[in-house]
């Protein structure tokens, strides 16, 4: 049985770890090989186009900044993204399709066995297609591998869809943060224990 699975050649190993990842994706004409560059995870979505989860690089700043303005209604300076990346490289992930960033998750590790998600956003045309789920699954796996015990985040009180999304991942509302956002809107602090 194991020989037949390896003969199909659909599973490979990431060069950075022994974690198995798919190296091929099914498409209408059979299987298509995926590039093995720096990618850490993929999933076929959007009519057989692979979404690749990879580490953030400085060239992603224009796209990430644009997604932040559109999805989160925030306008942060370029230096903030570089600073977040310096704090915890493994915690800044980008979802890419056809070479273009379409979503990202940025987090830091403040200490005491916890992580804090600062931003999670997906470009408007790609929402509700599992991209946020891919980012969150990869991030939770990273936190578990590092032995972290808790993940926290903040979400706008008005963003019911994001609150439902986080609850699906086991996050619970801890308290209200008055005037947390730059436009004066309140936020909820949400927490998940690992």
C-alpha atoms as a PDB file:
ATOM      1  CA  UNK A   1       0.000   0.000   0.000  1.00  0.00           C
ATOM      2  CA  UNK A   2       2.779   2.444   0.927  1.00  0.00           C
ATOM      3  CA  UNK A   3       4.620   1.640  -2.289  1.00  0.00           C
ATOM      4  CA  UNK A   4       1.619   2.544  -4.420  1.00  0.00           C
ATOM      5  CA  UNK A   5       1.203   5.908  -2.643  1.00  0.00           C
ATOM      6  CA  UNK A   6       4.825   6.847  -3.230  1.00  0.00           C
ATOM      7  CA  UNK A   7       4.660   5.603  -6.818  1.00  0.00           C
ATOM      8  CA  UNK A   8       1.947   8.148  -7.551  1.00  0.00           C
ATOM      9  CA  UNK A   9       4.397  10.902  -6.527  1.00  0.00           C
ATOM     10  CA  UNK A  10       1.802  13.234  -5.070  1.00  0.00           C
ATOM     11  CA  UNK A  11       3.417  13.748  -1.676  1.00  0.00           C
ATOM     12  CA  UNK A  12       6.827  15.260  -1.043  1.00  0.00           C
ATOM     13  CA  UNK A  13       8.783  16.634   1.883  1.00  0.00           C
ATOM     14  CA  UNK A  14       9.472  20.253   2.575  1.00  0.00           C
ATOM     15  CA  UNK A  15      13.205  20.972   2.405  1.00  0.00           C
ATOM     16  CA  UNK A  16      12.949  22.901   5.691  1.00  0.00           C
ATOM     17  CA  UNK A  17      11.315  20.072   7.641  1.00  0.00           C
ATOM     18  CA  UNK A  18      10.154  16.500   7.438  1.00  0.00           C
ATOM     19  CA  UNK A  19       6.523  17.691   7.207  1.00  0.00           C
ATOM     20  CA  UNK A  20       4.839  16.141   4.172  1.00  0.00           C
ATOM     21  CA  UNK A  21       3.310  18.567   1.707  1.00  0.00           C
ATOM     22  CA  UNK A  22       1.660  18.055  -1.652  1.00  0.00           C
ATOM     23  CA  UNK A  23       3.929  18.678  -4.604  1.00  0.00           C
ATOM     24  CA  UNK A  24       1.225  18.167  -7.255  1.00  0.00           C
ATOM     25  CA  UNK A  25      -2.300  19.498  -7.629  1.00  0.00           C
ATOM     26  CA  UNK A  26      -5.132  17.963  -9.652  1.00  0.00           C
ATOM     27  CA  UNK A  27      -6.269  19.994 -12.645  1.00  0.00           C
ATOM     28  CA  UNK A  28      -8.628  19.226 -15.563  1.00  0.00           C
ATOM     29  CA  UNK A  29      -5.808  17.641 -17.603  1.00  0.00           C
ATOM     30  CA  UNK A  30      -4.304  15.475 -14.846  1.00  0.00           C
ATOM     31  CA  UNK A  31      -1.748  16.595 -12.272  1.00  0.00           C
ATOM     32  CA  UNK A  32       0.297  19.798 -12.309  1.00  0.00           C
ATOM     33  CA  UNK A  33       3.653  20.033 -10.527  1.00  0.00           C
ATOM     34  CA  UNK A  34       3.947  22.826  -7.966  1.00  0.00           C
ATOM     35  CA  UNK A  35       7.077  24.973  -7.635  1.00  0.00           C
ATOM     36  CA  UNK A  36       9.159  23.907  -4.647  1.00  0.00           C
ATOM     37  CA  UNK A  37      10.856  27.266  -4.040  1.00  0.00           C
ATOM     38  CA  UNK A  38      10.247  28.602  -0.548  1.00  0.00           C
ATOM     39  CA  UNK A  39       6.693  27.394  -0.085  1.00  0.00           C
ATOM     40  CA  UNK A  40       5.593  25.635   3.054  1.00  0.00           C
ATOM     41  CA  UNK A  41       2.025  24.627   2.271  1.00  0.00           C
ATOM     42  CA  UNK A  42      -0.460  24.619  -0.594  1.00  0.00           C
ATOM     43  CA  UNK A  43      -4.109  23.869  -1.199  1.00  0.00           C
ATOM     44  CA  UNK A  44      -6.106  23.698  -4.398  1.00  0.00           C
ATOM     45  CA  UNK A  45      -8.877  26.305  -4.443  1.00  0.00           C
ATOM     46  CA  UNK A  46     -10.481  28.635  -6.968  1.00  0.00           C
ATOM     47  CA  UNK A  47     -10.854  26.220  -9.908  1.00  0.00           C
ATOM     48  CA  UNK A  48      -7.639  24.256  -9.480  1.00  0.00           C
ATOM     49  CA  UNK A  49      -5.297  27.181  -8.879  1.00  0.00           C
ATOM     50  CA  UNK A  50      -2.968  26.460  -5.948  1.00  0.00           C
ATOM     51  CA  UNK A  51      -2.793  28.815  -2.991  1.00  0.00           C
ATOM     52  CA  UNK A  52       0.664  28.761  -1.463  1.00  0.00           C
ATOM     53  CA  UNK A  53       1.374  29.682   2.160  1.00  0.00           C
ATOM     54  CA  UNK A  54       4.881  31.046   2.549  1.00  0.00           C
ATOM     55  CA  UNK A  55       6.915  33.385   4.736  1.00  0.00           C
ATOM     56  CA  UNK A  56       6.581  37.141   4.234  1.00  0.00           C
ATOM     57  CA  UNK A  57       9.341  38.920   2.283  1.00  0.00           C
ATOM     58  CA  UNK A  58       9.947  42.655   1.931  1.00  0.00           C
ATOM     59  CA  UNK A  59       8.688  42.633  -1.683  1.00  0.00           C
ATOM     60  CA  UNK A  60       5.215  41.758  -0.320  1.00  0.00           C
ATOM     61  CA  UNK A  61       4.809  45.151   1.376  1.00  0.00           C
ATOM     62  CA  UNK A  62       2.842  46.912  -1.404  1.00  0.00           C
ATOM     63  CA  UNK A  63       0.312  44.059  -1.684  1.00  0.00           C
ATOM     64  CA  UNK A  64       0.061  43.489   2.082  1.00  0.00           C
ATOM     65  CA  UNK A  65      -0.386  47.223   2.658  1.00  0.00           C
ATOM     66  CA  UNK A  66      -3.136  47.365   0.036  1.00  0.00           C
ATOM     67  CA  UNK A  67      -4.947  44.367   1.566  1.00  0.00           C
ATOM     68  CA  UNK A  68      -4.659  45.991   5.011  1.00  0.00           C
ATOM     69  CA  UNK A  69      -6.218  49.254   3.812  1.00  0.00           C
ATOM     70  CA  UNK A  70      -9.046  47.476   2.011  1.00  0.00           C
ATOM     71  CA  UNK A  71      -9.848  44.683   4.481  1.00  0.00           C
ATOM     72  CA  UNK A  72      -8.899  46.145   7.865  1.00  0.00           C
ATOM     73  CA  UNK A  73      -9.534  49.847   7.153  1.00  0.00           C
ATOM     74  CA  UNK A  74      -6.108  50.705   8.559  1.00  0.00           C
ATOM     75  CA  UNK A  75      -3.203  52.534   6.914  1.00  0.00           C
ATOM     76  CA  UNK A  76       0.067  51.504   8.538  1.00  0.00           C
ATOM     77  CA  UNK A  77       3.550  52.745   7.581  1.00  0.00           C
ATOM     78  CA  UNK A  78       5.818  50.407   5.611  1.00  0.00           C
ATOM     79  CA  UNK A  79       8.210  50.192   8.534  1.00  0.00           C
ATOM     80  CA  UNK A  80       5.556  48.453  10.665  1.00  0.00           C
ATOM     81  CA  UNK A  81       5.488  45.376   8.407  1.00  0.00           C
ATOM     82  CA  UNK A  82       9.276  45.099   8.500  1.00  0.00           C
ATOM     83  CA  UNK A  83       9.268  45.466  12.289  1.00  0.00           C
ATOM     84  CA  UNK A  84       6.639  42.724  12.705  1.00  0.00           C
ATOM     85  CA  UNK A  85       8.719  40.499  10.436  1.00  0.00           C
ATOM     86  CA  UNK A  86      11.810  41.115  12.579  1.00  0.00           C
ATOM     87  CA  UNK A  87       9.909  40.265  15.783  1.00  0.00           C
ATOM     88  CA  UNK A  88       8.892  36.789  14.605  1.00  0.00           C
ATOM     89  CA  UNK A  89       9.620  35.636  11.062  1.00  0.00           C
ATOM     90  CA  UNK A  90       7.607  32.409  11.409  1.00  0.00           C
ATOM     91  CA  UNK A  91       4.593  34.432  12.494  1.00  0.00           C
ATOM     92  CA  UNK A  92       4.265  36.503   9.315  1.00  0.00           C
ATOM     93  CA  UNK A  93       2.670  34.350   6.603  1.00  0.00           C
ATOM     94  CA  UNK A  94       1.496  35.243   3.112  1.00  0.00           C
ATOM     95  CA  UNK A  95      -1.061  33.405   0.964  1.00  0.00           C
ATOM     96  CA  UNK A  96      -0.013  33.652  -2.667  1.00  0.00           C
ATOM     97  CA  UNK A  97      -1.756  32.723  -5.910  1.00  0.00           C
ATOM     98  CA  UNK A  98      -0.037  32.924  -9.296  1.00  0.00           C
ATOM     99  CA  UNK A  99       2.796  34.929  -7.739  1.00  0.00           C
ATOM    100  CA  UNK A 100       0.508  37.527  -6.148  1.00  0.00           C
ATOM    101  CA  UNK A 101      -0.164  37.892  -2.414  1.00  0.00           C
ATOM    102  CA  UNK A 102      -3.905  37.526  -1.755  1.00  0.00           C
ATOM    103  CA  UNK A 103      -3.884  37.337   2.038  1.00  0.00           C
ATOM    104  CA  UNK A 104      -1.636  37.361   5.073  1.00  0.00           C
ATOM    105  CA  UNK A 105      -1.401  36.684   8.798  1.00  0.00           C
ATOM    106  CA  UNK A 106       0.973  38.747  10.946  1.00  0.00           C
ATOM    107  CA  UNK A 107       1.692  37.772  14.545  1.00  0.00           C
ATOM    108  CA  UNK A 108       4.238  38.337  17.291  1.00  0.00           C
ATOM    109  CA  UNK A 109       5.402  36.301  20.255  1.00  0.00           C
ATOM    110  CA  UNK A 110       5.351  38.651  23.261  1.00  0.00           C
ATOM    111  CA  UNK A 111       6.585  35.912  25.606  1.00  0.00           C
ATOM    112  CA  UNK A 112       5.135  33.846  28.438  1.00  0.00           C
ATOM    113  CA  UNK A 113       4.228  31.014  26.036  1.00  0.00           C
ATOM    114  CA  UNK A 114       1.773  33.011  23.968  1.00  0.00           C
ATOM    115  CA  UNK A 115       1.350  34.446  20.483  1.00  0.00           C
ATOM    116  CA  UNK A 116      -0.643  37.485  19.436  1.00  0.00           C
ATOM    117  CA  UNK A 117      -2.206  37.791  15.991  1.00  0.00           C
ATOM    118  CA  UNK A 118      -1.912  41.418  14.929  1.00  0.00           C
ATOM    119  CA  UNK A 119      -3.534  41.149  11.500  1.00  0.00           C
ATOM    120  CA  UNK A 120      -5.282  38.523   9.396  1.00  0.00           C
ATOM    121  CA  UNK A 121      -6.724  39.687   6.088  1.00  0.00           C
ATOM    122  CA  UNK A 122      -7.659  38.337   2.668  1.00  0.00           C
ATOM    123  CA  UNK A 123      -8.135  40.438  -0.472  1.00  0.00           C
ATOM    124  CA  UNK A 124     -11.777  41.109  -1.283  1.00  0.00           C
ATOM    125  CA  UNK A 125     -12.080  38.940  -4.394  1.00  0.00           C
ATOM    126  CA  UNK A 126     -10.683  35.903  -2.560  1.00  0.00           C
ATOM    127  CA  UNK A 127     -12.717  35.872   0.657  1.00  0.00           C
ATOM    128  CA  UNK A 128     -14.907  32.946   1.754  1.00  0.00           C
ATOM    129  CA  UNK A 129     -12.770  30.498  -0.214  1.00  0.00           C
ATOM    130  CA  UNK A 130     -10.716  28.918   2.574  1.00  0.00           C
ATOM    131  CA  UNK A 131      -7.648  31.159   2.350  1.00  0.00           C
ATOM    132  CA  UNK A 132      -8.032  32.553   5.870  1.00  0.00           C
ATOM    133  CA  UNK A 133      -8.522  28.981   7.089  1.00  0.00           C
ATOM    134  CA  UNK A 134      -5.258  27.912   5.421  1.00  0.00           C
ATOM    135  CA  UNK A 135      -3.397  30.787   7.056  1.00  0.00           C
ATOM    136  CA  UNK A 136      -4.903  30.107  10.486  1.00  0.00           C
ATOM    137  CA  UNK A 137      -4.312  26.337  10.297  1.00  0.00           C
ATOM    138  CA  UNK A 138      -0.667  26.870   9.418  1.00  0.00           C
ATOM    139  CA  UNK A 139      -0.247  29.446  12.167  1.00  0.00           C
ATOM    140  CA  UNK A 140      -1.885  27.272  14.856  1.00  0.00           C
ATOM    141  CA  UNK A 141       0.350  24.389  13.785  1.00  0.00           C
ATOM    142  CA  UNK A 142       3.421  26.643  14.087  1.00  0.00           C
ATOM    143  CA  UNK A 143       2.349  27.720  17.588  1.00  0.00           C
ATOM    144  CA  UNK A 144       1.837  24.100  18.640  1.00  0.00           C
ATOM    145  CA  UNK A 145       5.251  23.107  17.294  1.00  0.00           C
ATOM    146  CA  UNK A 146       6.852  25.927  19.296  1.00  0.00           C
ATOM    147  CA  UNK A 147       5.075  24.779  22.465  1.00  0.00           C
ATOM    148  CA  UNK A 148       3.018  27.950  22.875  1.00  0.00           C
ATOM    149  CA  UNK A 149       0.029  27.673  25.209  1.00  0.00           C
ATOM    150  CA  UNK A 150      -2.149  30.606  24.166  1.00  0.00           C
ATOM    151  CA  UNK A 151      -3.041  32.735  21.134  1.00  0.00           C
ATOM    152  CA  UNK A 152      -4.757  36.094  21.485  1.00  0.00           C
ATOM    153  CA  UNK A 153      -6.078  38.643  19.005  1.00  0.00           C
ATOM    154  CA  UNK A 154      -8.296  41.694  18.698  1.00  0.00           C
ATOM    155  CA  UNK A 155     -11.280  42.055  16.373  1.00  0.00           C
ATOM    156  CA  UNK A 156     -13.652  44.929  15.617  1.00  0.00           C
ATOM    157  CA  UNK A 157     -16.991  44.790  17.455  1.00  0.00           C
ATOM    158  CA  UNK A 158     -18.710  45.421  14.098  1.00  0.00           C
ATOM    159  CA  UNK A 159     -16.938  42.525  12.325  1.00  0.00           C
ATOM    160  CA  UNK A 160     -19.334  39.651  13.057  1.00  0.00           C
ATOM    161  CA  UNK A 161     -17.959  37.518  10.197  1.00  0.00           C
ATOM    162  CA  UNK A 162     -14.428  37.630  11.633  1.00  0.00           C
ATOM    163  CA  UNK A 163     -15.742  36.829  15.109  1.00  0.00           C
ATOM    164  CA  UNK A 164     -17.533  33.739  13.740  1.00  0.00           C
ATOM    165  CA  UNK A 165     -14.354  32.737  11.890  1.00  0.00           C
ATOM    166  CA  UNK A 166     -12.251  32.939  15.049  1.00  0.00           C
ATOM    167  CA  UNK A 167     -14.843  31.036  17.095  1.00  0.00           C
ATOM    168  CA  UNK A 168     -14.593  28.176  14.592  1.00  0.00           C
ATOM    169  CA  UNK A 169     -10.940  27.939  15.614  1.00  0.00           C
ATOM    170  CA  UNK A 170     -11.769  27.797  19.320  1.00  0.00           C
ATOM    171  CA  UNK A 171     -11.293  31.471  20.196  1.00  0.00           C
ATOM    172  CA  UNK A 172     -13.469  32.912  22.956  1.00  0.00           C
ATOM    173  CA  UNK A 173     -14.267  36.556  23.673  1.00  0.00           C
ATOM    174  CA  UNK A 174     -12.407  37.709  26.781  1.00  0.00           C
ATOM    175  CA  UNK A 175     -13.381  41.388  27.081  1.00  0.00           C
ATOM    176  CA  UNK A 176     -14.208  44.647  25.275  1.00  0.00           C
ATOM    177  CA  UNK A 177     -11.432  47.092  24.373  1.00  0.00           C
ATOM    178  CA  UNK A 178     -12.950  50.610  24.272  1.00  0.00           C
ATOM    179  CA  UNK A 179     -11.864  52.774  21.296  1.00  0.00           C
ATOM    180  CA  UNK A 180      -9.199  50.220  20.355  1.00  0.00           C
ATOM    181  CA  UNK A 181      -8.988  51.055  16.642  1.00  0.00           C
ATOM    182  CA  UNK A 182      -7.616  54.245  15.080  1.00  0.00           C
ATOM    183  CA  UNK A 183     -11.110  55.288  13.958  1.00  0.00           C
ATOM    184  CA  UNK A 184     -12.402  55.010  17.547  1.00  0.00           C
ATOM    185  CA  UNK A 185     -14.284  51.722  17.167  1.00  0.00           C
ATOM    186  CA  UNK A 186     -14.310  49.286  20.093  1.00  0.00           C
ATOM    187  CA  UNK A 187     -12.690  45.879  19.786  1.00  0.00           C
ATOM    188  CA  UNK A 188     -13.022  42.477  21.397  1.00  0.00           C
ATOM    189  CA  UNK A 189     -10.026  40.623  22.795  1.00  0.00           C
ATOM    190  CA  UNK A 190     -10.328  36.946  21.865  1.00  0.00           C
ATOM    191  CA  UNK A 191      -8.234  34.084  23.240  1.00  0.00           C
ATOM    192  CA  UNK A 192      -7.577  30.457  22.383  1.00  0.00           C
ATOM    193  CA  UNK A 193      -5.721  28.049  24.670  1.00  0.00           C
ATOM    194  CA  UNK A 194      -3.621  25.348  22.994  1.00  0.00           C
END
